[in-house]
Structure formats: structure tokens, C-alpha cells
Amino acid sequence: MIDRRTFAAFAALGAIAPSLASARVRAQTAAPPPPDLPPVHDMSAWPADWTGDELVVMLAYPGMTALDLAGPQYMFASLAGAKVLIAAKTLDPVVTDTRLSILPDITLDEVPSAPTILFVPGGISGTLKAMEDEETIAFLAATGNRATYVTSVCTGALLLGQAGLLAGYRATTHWLGMGALPAFGATAVSERVVTDRNRITGGGVTAGIDLGLALLGRLRGDDYARAVQLLAEYAPVPPYDSGTLDTAPPQIVARMQAMFPGFEAHVRAIAQRRRTAR
């Protein structure tokens, strides 16, 4: 669980993860090394434009997929000088789908009006419930219309769609929700990361790391993103080639699709009820 006081202290210094951003803080606060050893960190040669002042707001809600948030959070927190805040309806711990608890930093009504990045994670039953939560959807609609970048990973795109933020945009999501994107006026695109103007959406779960890297490149430049990628040693070579509907064996695809027979129908029904209510 993230300790709120520790997080706030680091955020005030513009460094909130074990990453390039926090390296600067550790270099400033750690005990000095023995005189015969070089410093652990030396960032004096960093270009001046590698430090910024972005505000990133990441939504958290019960039942969301933990890795949907953790992967992008690492990348966003690697933006030197940026402030990354996790926002939820209350400050109570948010229990994710794997029972990992996340401690929010602020409530939805405390979020600054125009963040640089608004990010939404996905899930399954937790996402369906969040889609029907009026406070959550109203927050996304209002904040998304003022944010510089509106982003999501996995089925978080369905929450953006429910908030009216994907109508007329190309977008992607987890394969489980791809068929439901048109219900929100979006054009479904089966790609790892899809950028359409200021809407940037990622595919299922692990695509959040790619989405985070893409945003780092956009905000700080390609070399900065490459530096973060190297620090994270993000060079995936999975032991299996079964990560998409196209590459997984047919029997695995059939078995996994059969696990969620009503998901798309539920999404479409929620979208229809909202349209009818308007």
C-alpha cells in the first residue's frame, strides 16, 4: 500500500517513484558517499528541458486492474518535475481486482480543473460498476474536457466513452471491450497505442507501459523516453507468444472469450441507458 504522507513529501519535491525523477531527490537527500567513491547519482549533465511541471491525474476506483495503473504510473512519475496524483471518490484505500490496495492522494472534487494528463485504468466488473456511477462519469466528463491529454488503458476507454469523451475519435481498448467502442461513437482500432488528437488510448493491461512511454516522448522528447525505458530495462521477451487474439492458440482464445459471455452486452446496455436518460 502506498503511504500517503511519504507520497506527498516526494510529490512536493517533484519526485514520486523509483525512477529518473526520484534519482534527483535521492542524490540531494542521501548521506554523502565516502570521499573515495563517486556519487551514486549525478544528474548535472541533464538537459534543462528534461524538467517540466506537468500535472498528471490518475483515476482509481474499486475493482480496477492494478497493473493498468501501476505501469503508466511508473512512467508518469519518471517525468522530472511533474506531479502525479491518484484521485478517487474518497481517500479510503481502493481495493483492486487482485486485492492490491491503492491509497489515493486526493478526492475527485479536489482535482485541479485542468490537468496535463487525465488517465483512466480499466477492469471488468469494477469498470461496469464505475460506468454506472454518476459521480465518476461526471468527473471524467468535466475534467476530460479541460485536460491537455485524455488517456486510458484497457477497458478504461469504456469509461471515457461513457463520459462522452471518445465520440468521433479513433480509440483502442482490451480485446474484451473492442466491439463495444462504437456504442460510444468511437472508431475501434486494434493497435497497442492509438493517438487521435489529444486522445491517447492503450490496449489491454500491459499496453499501459507503452502508452506511458509514448507520452514521455511527446512531453520530453524521444531521448528522454529512451532513457526511462533503459532505466526500467523495458525490453520484453515473453516466454510465450500468446498475448493477442491473433497470436494465441485457437483453443486458448475460445476458452478465454467464453469466460466473459455477457461483457459486451452489459457495456452496450449501460451506454444505451445513458443515451436514453439524456
C-alpha atoms as a PDB file:
ATOM      1  CA  MET A   1       0.000   0.000   0.000  1.00  0.00           C
ATOM      2  CA  ILE A   2       1.255   3.490  -0.815  1.00  0.00           C
ATOM      3  CA  ASP A   3       1.817   5.653   2.241  1.00  0.00           C
ATOM      4  CA  ARG A   4       0.066   8.993   1.657  1.00  0.00           C
ATOM      5  CA  ARG A   5       2.463  11.050   3.754  1.00  0.00           C
ATOM      6  CA  THR A   6       5.508   9.607   2.016  1.00  0.00           C
ATOM      7  CA  PHE A   7       3.897  10.176  -1.371  1.00  0.00           C
ATOM      8  CA  ALA A   8       3.025  13.799  -0.542  1.00  0.00           C
ATOM      9  CA  ALA A   9       6.532  14.537   0.649  1.00  0.00           C
ATOM     10  CA  PHE A  10       8.043  13.194  -2.529  1.00  0.00           C
ATOM     11  CA  ALA A  11       5.445  14.887  -4.727  1.00  0.00           C
ATOM     12  CA  ALA A  12       6.299  18.247  -3.198  1.00  0.00           C
ATOM     13  CA  LEU A  13       9.835  17.742  -4.382  1.00  0.00           C
ATOM     14  CA  GLY A  14       8.673  16.774  -7.849  1.00  0.00           C
ATOM     15  CA  ALA A  15       9.772  13.149  -7.496  1.00  0.00           C
ATOM     16  CA  ILE A  16       7.470  10.295  -6.602  1.00  0.00           C
ATOM     17  CA  ALA A  17       8.789   6.985  -7.927  1.00  0.00           C
ATOM     18  CA  PRO A  18      11.996   4.952  -8.046  1.00  0.00           C
ATOM     19  CA  SER A  19      12.829   6.447 -11.397  1.00  0.00           C
ATOM     20  CA  LEU A  20      14.709   9.249 -13.101  1.00  0.00           C
ATOM     21  CA  ALA A  21      12.560  11.780 -11.242  1.00  0.00           C
ATOM     22  CA  SER A  22      13.328  10.348  -7.804  1.00  0.00           C
ATOM     23  CA  ALA A  23      17.003   9.928  -8.586  1.00  0.00           C
ATOM     24  CA  ARG A  24      17.368  13.700  -8.265  1.00  0.00           C
ATOM     25  CA  VAL A  25      15.766  13.668  -4.812  1.00  0.00           C
ATOM     26  CA  ARG A  26      17.860  10.765  -3.572  1.00  0.00           C
ATOM     27  CA  ALA A  27      21.004  12.495  -4.775  1.00  0.00           C
ATOM     28  CA  GLN A  28      20.040  15.595  -2.789  1.00  0.00           C
ATOM     29  CA  THR A  29      18.872  13.883   0.410  1.00  0.00           C
ATOM     30  CA  ALA A  30      21.028  10.768   0.777  1.00  0.00           C
ATOM     31  CA  ALA A  31      24.015  10.715   3.095  1.00  0.00           C
ATOM     32  CA  PRO A  32      27.195  11.766   1.259  1.00  0.00           C
ATOM     33  CA  PRO A  33      29.292   8.857  -0.026  1.00  0.00           C
ATOM     34  CA  PRO A  34      32.773   8.169   1.322  1.00  0.00           C
ATOM     35  CA  PRO A  35      35.242  10.649  -0.162  1.00  0.00           C
ATOM     36  CA  ASP A  36      36.990   7.968  -2.201  1.00  0.00           C
ATOM     37  CA  LEU A  37      33.798   6.926  -4.032  1.00  0.00           C
ATOM     38  CA  PRO A  38      31.893   8.781  -6.769  1.00  0.00           C
ATOM     39  CA  PRO A  39      28.339   9.953  -6.003  1.00  0.00           C
ATOM     40  CA  VAL A  40      25.570   7.426  -6.535  1.00  0.00           C
ATOM     41  CA  HIS A  41      23.684   9.871  -8.770  1.00  0.00           C
ATOM     42  CA  ASP A  42      24.978  12.739 -10.843  1.00  0.00           C
ATOM     43  CA  MET A  43      22.378  14.489 -12.984  1.00  0.00           C
ATOM     44  CA  SER A  44      24.325  17.690 -13.574  1.00  0.00           C
ATOM     45  CA  ALA A  45      24.645  16.917 -17.277  1.00  0.00           C
ATOM     46  CA  TRP A  46      20.899  16.615 -17.831  1.00  0.00           C
ATOM     47  CA  PRO A  47      19.476  18.992 -20.454  1.00  0.00           C
ATOM     48  CA  ALA A  48      17.462  21.831 -18.931  1.00  0.00           C
ATOM     49  CA  ASP A  49      14.387  20.879 -20.981  1.00  0.00           C
ATOM     50  CA  TRP A  50      14.269  17.447 -19.322  1.00  0.00           C
ATOM     51  CA  THR A  51      12.481  19.011 -16.340  1.00  0.00           C
ATOM     52  CA  GLY A  52       8.903  20.214 -16.536  1.00  0.00           C
ATOM     53  CA  ASP A  53       5.877  20.988 -14.386  1.00  0.00           C
ATOM     54  CA  GLU A  54       3.101  18.727 -15.671  1.00  0.00           C
ATOM     55  CA  LEU A  55       0.159  17.633 -13.547  1.00  0.00           C
ATOM     56  CA  VAL A  56      -0.996  14.042 -14.045  1.00  0.00           C
ATOM     57  CA  VAL A  57      -4.284  12.859 -12.534  1.00  0.00           C
ATOM     58  CA  MET A  58      -4.910   9.109 -12.450  1.00  0.00           C
ATOM     59  CA  LEU A  59      -8.374   7.810 -11.588  1.00  0.00           C
ATOM     60  CA  ALA A  60      -8.675   4.925  -9.117  1.00  0.00           C
ATOM     61  CA  TYR A  61     -11.889   3.005  -8.458  1.00  0.00           C
ATOM     62  CA  PRO A  62     -12.825  -0.274  -6.745  1.00  0.00           C
ATOM     63  CA  GLY A  63     -12.235  -3.409  -8.799  1.00  0.00           C
ATOM     64  CA  MET A  64      -9.967  -1.767 -11.347  1.00  0.00           C
ATOM     65  CA  THR A  65      -6.992  -3.722 -12.672  1.00  0.00           C
ATOM     66  CA  ALA A  66      -3.951  -2.883 -10.563  1.00  0.00           C
ATOM     67  CA  LEU A  67      -1.398  -3.188 -13.373  1.00  0.00           C
ATOM     68  CA  ASP A  68      -3.462  -0.837 -15.538  1.00  0.00           C
ATOM     69  CA  LEU A  69      -2.489   1.910 -13.124  1.00  0.00           C
ATOM     70  CA  ALA A  70       0.918   0.732 -11.915  1.00  0.00           C
ATOM     71  CA  GLY A  71       2.597   0.548 -15.328  1.00  0.00           C
ATOM     72  CA  PRO A  72       1.649   4.051 -16.502  1.00  0.00           C
ATOM     73  CA  GLN A  73       2.200   5.472 -13.009  1.00  0.00           C
ATOM     74  CA  TYR A  74       5.845   4.397 -13.121  1.00  0.00           C
ATOM     75  CA  MET A  75       6.280   6.141 -16.452  1.00  0.00           C
ATOM     76  CA  PHE A  76       4.428   9.320 -15.481  1.00  0.00           C
ATOM     77  CA  ALA A  77       6.320   9.504 -12.186  1.00  0.00           C
ATOM     78  CA  SER A  78       9.536   9.412 -14.209  1.00  0.00           C
ATOM     79  CA  LEU A  79       8.733  12.865 -15.605  1.00  0.00           C
ATOM     80  CA  ALA A  80      11.216  15.012 -13.692  1.00  0.00           C
ATOM     81  CA  GLY A  81       9.381  17.933 -12.085  1.00  0.00           C
ATOM     82  CA  ALA A  82       5.903  16.550 -12.752  1.00  0.00           C
ATOM     83  CA  LYS A  83       3.295  15.947 -10.077  1.00  0.00           C
ATOM     84  CA  VAL A  84       1.329  12.693 -10.255  1.00  0.00           C
ATOM     85  CA  LEU A  85      -1.851  12.368  -8.199  1.00  0.00           C
ATOM     86  CA  ILE A  86      -4.141   9.377  -7.744  1.00  0.00           C
ATOM     87  CA  ALA A  87      -7.742  10.531  -7.408  1.00  0.00           C
ATOM     88  CA  ALA A  88     -10.740   8.585  -6.115  1.00  0.00           C
ATOM     89  CA  LYS A  89     -14.188   9.266  -4.696  1.00  0.00           C
ATOM     90  CA  THR A  90     -12.817   9.087  -1.143  1.00  0.00           C
ATOM     91  CA  LEU A  91      -9.401   8.816   0.482  1.00  0.00           C
ATOM     92  CA  ASP A  92     -10.129   5.267   1.620  1.00  0.00           C
ATOM     93  CA  PRO A  93      -7.899   2.536   0.191  1.00  0.00           C
ATOM     94  CA  VAL A  94      -9.058   1.414  -3.240  1.00  0.00           C
ATOM     95  CA  VAL A  95      -9.078  -2.374  -3.472  1.00  0.00           C
ATOM     96  CA  THR A  96      -8.188  -3.528  -6.971  1.00  0.00           C
ATOM     97  CA  ASP A  97      -9.171  -6.718  -8.774  1.00  0.00           C
ATOM     98  CA  THR A  98      -6.088  -8.549  -7.445  1.00  0.00           C
ATOM     99  CA  ARG A  99      -6.724  -7.308  -3.883  1.00  0.00           C
ATOM    100  CA  LEU A 100      -3.811  -4.885  -4.067  1.00  0.00           C
ATOM    101  CA  SER A 101      -4.850  -1.684  -2.297  1.00  0.00           C
ATOM    102  CA  ILE A 102      -4.041   1.783  -3.605  1.00  0.00           C
ATOM    103  CA  LEU A 103      -4.173   4.816  -1.325  1.00  0.00           C
ATOM    104  CA  PRO A 104      -5.498   7.899  -3.180  1.00  0.00           C
ATOM    105  CA  ASP A 105      -3.897  11.307  -2.819  1.00  0.00           C
ATOM    106  CA  ILE A 106      -6.970  13.435  -3.418  1.00  0.00           C
ATOM    107  CA  THR A 107     -10.702  13.071  -3.889  1.00  0.00           C
ATOM    108  CA  LEU A 108     -12.416  13.744  -7.199  1.00  0.00           C
ATOM    109  CA  ASP A 109     -13.733  17.109  -6.045  1.00  0.00           C
ATOM    110  CA  GLU A 110     -10.197  18.192  -5.081  1.00  0.00           C
ATOM    111  CA  VAL A 111      -8.697  17.594  -8.523  1.00  0.00           C
ATOM    112  CA  PRO A 112      -7.323  20.756 -10.168  1.00  0.00           C
ATOM    113  CA  SER A 113      -9.533  21.852 -13.034  1.00  0.00           C
ATOM    114  CA  ALA A 114      -7.133  21.421 -15.959  1.00  0.00           C
ATOM    115  CA  PRO A 115      -4.524  18.661 -15.535  1.00  0.00           C
ATOM    116  CA  THR A 116      -1.947  17.998 -18.202  1.00  0.00           C
ATOM    117  CA  ILE A 117      -2.897  14.313 -18.342  1.00  0.00           C
ATOM    118  CA  LEU A 118      -6.098  12.608 -17.255  1.00  0.00           C
ATOM    119  CA  PHE A 119      -5.610   8.839 -17.091  1.00  0.00           C
ATOM    120  CA  VAL A 120      -8.226   6.106 -16.615  1.00  0.00           C
ATOM    121  CA  PRO A 121      -7.461   2.425 -15.920  1.00  0.00           C
ATOM    122  CA  GLY A 122      -9.732  -0.467 -16.794  1.00  0.00           C
ATOM    123  CA  GLY A 123     -11.080  -3.644 -15.271  1.00  0.00           C
ATOM    124  CA  ILE A 124     -14.065  -5.943 -15.726  1.00  0.00           C
ATOM    125  CA  SER A 125     -16.885  -5.906 -13.150  1.00  0.00           C
ATOM    126  CA  GLY A 126     -15.317  -2.888 -11.440  1.00  0.00           C
ATOM    127  CA  THR A 127     -15.376  -0.961 -14.705  1.00  0.00           C
ATOM    128  CA  LEU A 128     -19.008  -1.863 -15.371  1.00  0.00           C
ATOM    129  CA  LYS A 129     -19.927  -0.519 -11.928  1.00  0.00           C
ATOM    130  CA  ALA A 130     -17.879   2.636 -12.455  1.00  0.00           C
ATOM    131  CA  MET A 131     -19.641   3.233 -15.773  1.00  0.00           C
ATOM    132  CA  GLU A 132     -22.921   3.497 -13.860  1.00  0.00           C
ATOM    133  CA  ASP A 133     -21.540   5.730 -11.118  1.00  0.00           C
ATOM    134  CA  GLU A 134     -22.774   9.232 -11.874  1.00  0.00           C
ATOM    135  CA  GLU A 135     -20.130  10.987  -9.784  1.00  0.00           C
ATOM    136  CA  THR A 136     -17.286   9.199 -11.557  1.00  0.00           C
ATOM    137  CA  ILE A 137     -18.694   9.821 -15.023  1.00  0.00           C
ATOM    138  CA  ALA A 138     -19.446  13.477 -14.282  1.00  0.00           C
ATOM    139  CA  PHE A 139     -15.875  13.929 -13.024  1.00  0.00           C
ATOM    140  CA  LEU A 140     -14.426  12.377 -16.181  1.00  0.00           C
ATOM    141  CA  ALA A 141     -16.645  14.445 -18.469  1.00  0.00           C
ATOM    142  CA  ALA A 142     -15.749  17.737 -16.789  1.00  0.00           C
ATOM    143  CA  THR A 143     -12.048  17.060 -16.283  1.00  0.00           C
ATOM    144  CA  GLY A 144     -11.578  15.416 -19.673  1.00  0.00           C
ATOM    145  CA  ASN A 145     -12.912  18.479 -21.447  1.00  0.00           C
ATOM    146  CA  ARG A 146     -10.230  20.608 -19.766  1.00  0.00           C
ATOM    147  CA  ALA A 147      -7.240  18.244 -19.735  1.00  0.00           C
ATOM    148  CA  THR A 148      -4.446  18.627 -22.264  1.00  0.00           C
ATOM    149  CA  TYR A 149      -4.346  14.856 -22.842  1.00  0.00           C
ATOM    150  CA  VAL A 150      -7.166  12.388 -22.180  1.00  0.00           C
ATOM    151  CA  THR A 151      -5.804   8.871 -21.831  1.00  0.00           C
ATOM    152  CA  SER A 152      -6.764   5.347 -20.835  1.00  0.00           C
ATOM    153  CA  VAL A 153      -5.577   1.793 -20.929  1.00  0.00           C
ATOM    154  CA  CYS A 154      -7.538  -1.418 -21.231  1.00  0.00           C
ATOM    155  CA  THR A 155     -11.297  -1.048 -20.648  1.00  0.00           C
ATOM    156  CA  GLY A 156     -10.694   2.393 -19.178  1.00  0.00           C
ATOM    157  CA  ALA A 157     -11.608   3.534 -22.688  1.00  0.00           C
ATOM    158  CA  LEU A 158     -15.181   2.437 -21.980  1.00  0.00           C
ATOM    159  CA  LEU A 159     -15.296   4.868 -19.063  1.00  0.00           C
ATOM    160  CA  LEU A 160     -14.042   7.631 -21.342  1.00  0.00           C
ATOM    161  CA  GLY A 161     -16.721   6.650 -23.826  1.00  0.00           C
ATOM    162  CA  GLN A 162     -19.433   6.692 -21.167  1.00  0.00           C
ATOM    163  CA  ALA A 163     -18.308  10.213 -20.257  1.00  0.00           C
ATOM    164  CA  GLY A 164     -18.733  11.317 -23.879  1.00  0.00           C
ATOM    165  CA  LEU A 165     -15.008  11.778 -24.438  1.00  0.00           C
ATOM    166  CA  LEU A 166     -14.481   9.386 -27.369  1.00  0.00           C
ATOM    167  CA  ALA A 167     -17.284  10.329 -29.752  1.00  0.00           C
ATOM    168  CA  GLY A 168     -15.698  10.957 -33.144  1.00  0.00           C
ATOM    169  CA  TYR A 169     -12.289   9.633 -32.077  1.00  0.00           C
ATOM    170  CA  ARG A 170     -10.249   6.576 -33.001  1.00  0.00           C
ATOM    171  CA  ALA A 171      -9.515   4.507 -29.903  1.00  0.00           C
ATOM    172  CA  THR A 172      -8.390   1.132 -28.671  1.00  0.00           C
ATOM    173  CA  THR A 173      -9.090  -0.986 -25.603  1.00  0.00           C
ATOM    174  CA  HIS A 174      -8.745  -4.542 -24.341  1.00  0.00           C
ATOM    175  CA  TRP A 175      -9.960  -7.130 -26.845  1.00  0.00           C
ATOM    176  CA  LEU A 176     -12.811  -7.843 -24.433  1.00  0.00           C
ATOM    177  CA  GLY A 177     -14.303  -4.382 -24.992  1.00  0.00           C
ATOM    178  CA  MET A 178     -13.272  -3.666 -28.575  1.00  0.00           C
ATOM    179  CA  GLY A 179     -16.672  -4.499 -30.030  1.00  0.00           C
ATOM    180  CA  ALA A 180     -18.410  -2.089 -27.662  1.00  0.00           C
ATOM    181  CA  LEU A 181     -16.430   1.056 -28.561  1.00  0.00           C
ATOM    182  CA  PRO A 182     -18.796   2.017 -31.413  1.00  0.00           C
ATOM    183  CA  ALA A 183     -21.614   2.255 -28.845  1.00  0.00           C
ATOM    184  CA  PHE A 184     -19.913   5.462 -27.693  1.00  0.00           C
ATOM    185  CA  GLY A 185     -19.377   6.905 -31.158  1.00  0.00           C
ATOM    186  CA  ALA A 186     -15.729   5.836 -31.294  1.00  0.00           C
ATOM    187  CA  THR A 187     -13.915   4.060 -34.106  1.00  0.00           C
ATOM    188  CA  ALA A 188     -12.328   0.887 -32.735  1.00  0.00           C
ATOM    189  CA  VAL A 189      -8.705   0.329 -33.762  1.00  0.00           C
ATOM    190  CA  SER A 190      -6.876  -2.861 -32.824  1.00  0.00           C
ATOM    191  CA  GLU A 191      -3.455  -1.405 -32.015  1.00  0.00           C
ATOM    192  CA  ARG A 192      -1.230  -1.275 -28.961  1.00  0.00           C
ATOM    193  CA  VAL A 193      -1.500   2.510 -28.571  1.00  0.00           C
ATOM    194  CA  VAL A 194      -3.810   4.765 -30.584  1.00  0.00           C
ATOM    195  CA  THR A 195      -3.387   8.547 -30.737  1.00  0.00           C
ATOM    196  CA  ASP A 196      -6.140  10.723 -32.169  1.00  0.00           C
ATOM    197  CA  ARG A 197      -5.519  14.391 -31.462  1.00  0.00           C
ATOM    198  CA  ASN A 198      -5.324  14.633 -27.669  1.00  0.00           C
ATOM    199  CA  ARG A 199      -6.980  11.260 -27.023  1.00  0.00           C
ATOM    200  CA  ILE A 200      -4.395   8.548 -26.375  1.00  0.00           C
ATOM    201  CA  THR A 201      -5.686   5.080 -25.575  1.00  0.00           C
ATOM    202  CA  GLY A 202      -3.863   1.817 -24.891  1.00  0.00           C
ATOM    203  CA  GLY A 203      -4.846  -1.806 -25.365  1.00  0.00           C
ATOM    204  CA  GLY A 204      -5.095  -4.367 -22.601  1.00  0.00           C
ATOM    205  CA  VAL A 205      -3.282  -4.050 -19.267  1.00  0.00           C
ATOM    206  CA  THR A 206       0.434  -4.183 -20.195  1.00  0.00           C
ATOM    207  CA  ALA A 207      -0.103  -1.691 -23.019  1.00  0.00           C
ATOM    208  CA  GLY A 208      -0.169   0.944 -20.289  1.00  0.00           C
ATOM    209  CA  ILE A 209       3.626   0.842 -20.161  1.00  0.00           C
ATOM    210  CA  ASP A 210       3.768   1.588 -23.883  1.00  0.00           C
ATOM    211  CA  LEU A 211       1.213   4.365 -23.512  1.00  0.00           C
ATOM    212  CA  GLY A 212       3.265   5.916 -20.711  1.00  0.00           C
ATOM    213  CA  LEU A 213       6.440   5.791 -22.794  1.00  0.00           C
ATOM    214  CA  ALA A 214       4.648   7.359 -25.747  1.00  0.00           C
ATOM    215  CA  LEU A 215       3.538  10.269 -23.573  1.00  0.00           C
ATOM    216  CA  LEU A 216       7.033  10.694 -22.156  1.00  0.00           C
ATOM    217  CA  GLY A 217       8.336  11.036 -25.700  1.00  0.00           C
ATOM    218  CA  ARG A 218       5.670  13.574 -26.560  1.00  0.00           C
ATOM    219  CA  LEU A 219       6.263  15.677 -23.437  1.00  0.00           C
ATOM    220  CA  ARG A 220      10.049  15.407 -23.079  1.00  0.00           C
ATOM    221  CA  GLY A 221      11.338  14.106 -26.403  1.00  0.00           C
ATOM    222  CA  ASP A 222      12.494  10.749 -27.719  1.00  0.00           C
ATOM    223  CA  ASP A 223      15.809  10.682 -25.876  1.00  0.00           C
ATOM    224  CA  TYR A 224      14.121  11.227 -22.522  1.00  0.00           C
ATOM    225  CA  ALA A 225      11.711   8.366 -23.192  1.00  0.00           C
ATOM    226  CA  ARG A 226      14.585   6.149 -24.264  1.00  0.00           C
ATOM    227  CA  ALA A 227      16.421   6.969 -21.036  1.00  0.00           C
ATOM    228  CA  VAL A 228      13.401   5.957 -18.937  1.00  0.00           C
ATOM    229  CA  GLN A 229      12.975   2.794 -20.973  1.00  0.00           C
ATOM    230  CA  LEU A 230      16.593   1.886 -20.300  1.00  0.00           C
ATOM    231  CA  LEU A 231      16.298   2.593 -16.576  1.00  0.00           C
ATOM    232  CA  ALA A 232      13.209   0.366 -16.439  1.00  0.00           C
ATOM    233  CA  GLU A 233      15.022  -2.212 -18.600  1.00  0.00           C
ATOM    234  CA  TYR A 234      11.817  -2.456 -20.564  1.00  0.00           C
ATOM    235  CA  ALA A 235      12.801  -4.937 -23.262  1.00  0.00           C
ATOM    236  CA  PRO A 236      10.052  -7.573 -23.120  1.00  0.00           C
ATOM    237  CA  VAL A 237      10.811 -11.037 -24.415  1.00  0.00           C
ATOM    238  CA  PRO A 238       7.858 -13.077 -23.106  1.00  0.00           C
ATOM    239  CA  PRO A 239       8.222 -16.845 -22.766  1.00  0.00           C
ATOM    240  CA  TYR A 240       5.039 -17.316 -24.821  1.00  0.00           C
ATOM    241  CA  ASP A 241       3.627 -15.652 -27.910  1.00  0.00           C
ATOM    242  CA  SER A 242       0.005 -15.662 -26.778  1.00  0.00           C
ATOM    243  CA  GLY A 243      -0.690 -12.046 -25.932  1.00  0.00           C
ATOM    244  CA  THR A 244      -3.242 -11.213 -28.646  1.00  0.00           C
ATOM    245  CA  LEU A 245      -6.259 -12.833 -30.226  1.00  0.00           C
ATOM    246  CA  ASP A 246      -4.192 -13.292 -33.388  1.00  0.00           C
ATOM    247  CA  THR A 247      -1.208 -14.983 -31.757  1.00  0.00           C
ATOM    248  CA  ALA A 248      -2.823 -17.106 -29.046  1.00  0.00           C
ATOM    249  CA  PRO A 249      -3.733 -20.712 -29.962  1.00  0.00           C
ATOM    250  CA  PRO A 250      -7.377 -21.009 -31.063  1.00  0.00           C
ATOM    251  CA  GLN A 251      -8.320 -23.204 -28.106  1.00  0.00           C
ATOM    252  CA  ILE A 252      -6.962 -20.594 -25.686  1.00  0.00           C
ATOM    253  CA  VAL A 253      -8.812 -17.794 -27.451  1.00  0.00           C
ATOM    254  CA  ALA A 254     -12.068 -19.758 -27.322  1.00  0.00           C
ATOM    255  CA  ARG A 255     -11.641 -20.586 -23.644  1.00  0.00           C
ATOM    256  CA  MET A 256     -10.871 -17.010 -22.620  1.00  0.00           C
ATOM    257  CA  GLN A 257     -13.670 -15.493 -24.694  1.00  0.00           C
ATOM    258  CA  ALA A 258     -16.093 -17.965 -23.142  1.00  0.00           C
ATOM    259  CA  MET A 259     -15.236 -16.643 -19.681  1.00  0.00           C
ATOM    260  CA  PHE A 260     -16.975 -13.314 -20.349  1.00  0.00           C
ATOM    261  CA  PRO A 261     -20.064 -14.084 -22.461  1.00  0.00           C
ATOM    262  CA  GLY A 262     -22.064 -11.054 -21.358  1.00  0.00           C
ATOM    263  CA  PHE A 263     -19.451  -8.339 -21.009  1.00  0.00           C
ATOM    264  CA  GLU A 264     -20.035  -6.546 -24.315  1.00  0.00           C
ATOM    265  CA  ALA A 265     -23.812  -6.795 -23.914  1.00  0.00           C
ATOM    266  CA  HIS A 266     -23.559  -5.239 -20.451  1.00  0.00           C
ATOM    267  CA  VAL A 267     -21.435  -2.377 -21.777  1.00  0.00           C
ATOM    268  CA  ARG A 268     -23.858  -1.688 -24.605  1.00  0.00           C
ATOM    269  CA  ALA A 269     -26.819  -1.775 -22.227  1.00  0.00           C
ATOM    270  CA  ILE A 270     -25.164   0.742 -19.906  1.00  0.00           C
ATOM    271  CA  ALA A 271     -24.373   3.005 -22.855  1.00  0.00           C
ATOM    272  CA  GLN A 272     -27.947   2.741 -24.111  1.00  0.00           C
ATOM    273  CA  ARG A 273     -29.430   3.602 -20.717  1.00  0.00           C
ATOM    274  CA  ARG A 274     -27.277   6.724 -20.557  1.00  0.00           C
ATOM    275  CA  ARG A 275     -28.336   7.811 -24.039  1.00  0.00           C
ATOM    276  CA  THR A 276     -31.968   7.235 -23.134  1.00  0.00           C
ATOM    277  CA  ALA A 277     -31.615   9.197 -19.889  1.00  0.00           C
ATOM    278  CA  ARG A 278     -30.361  12.192 -21.830  1.00  0.00           C
END
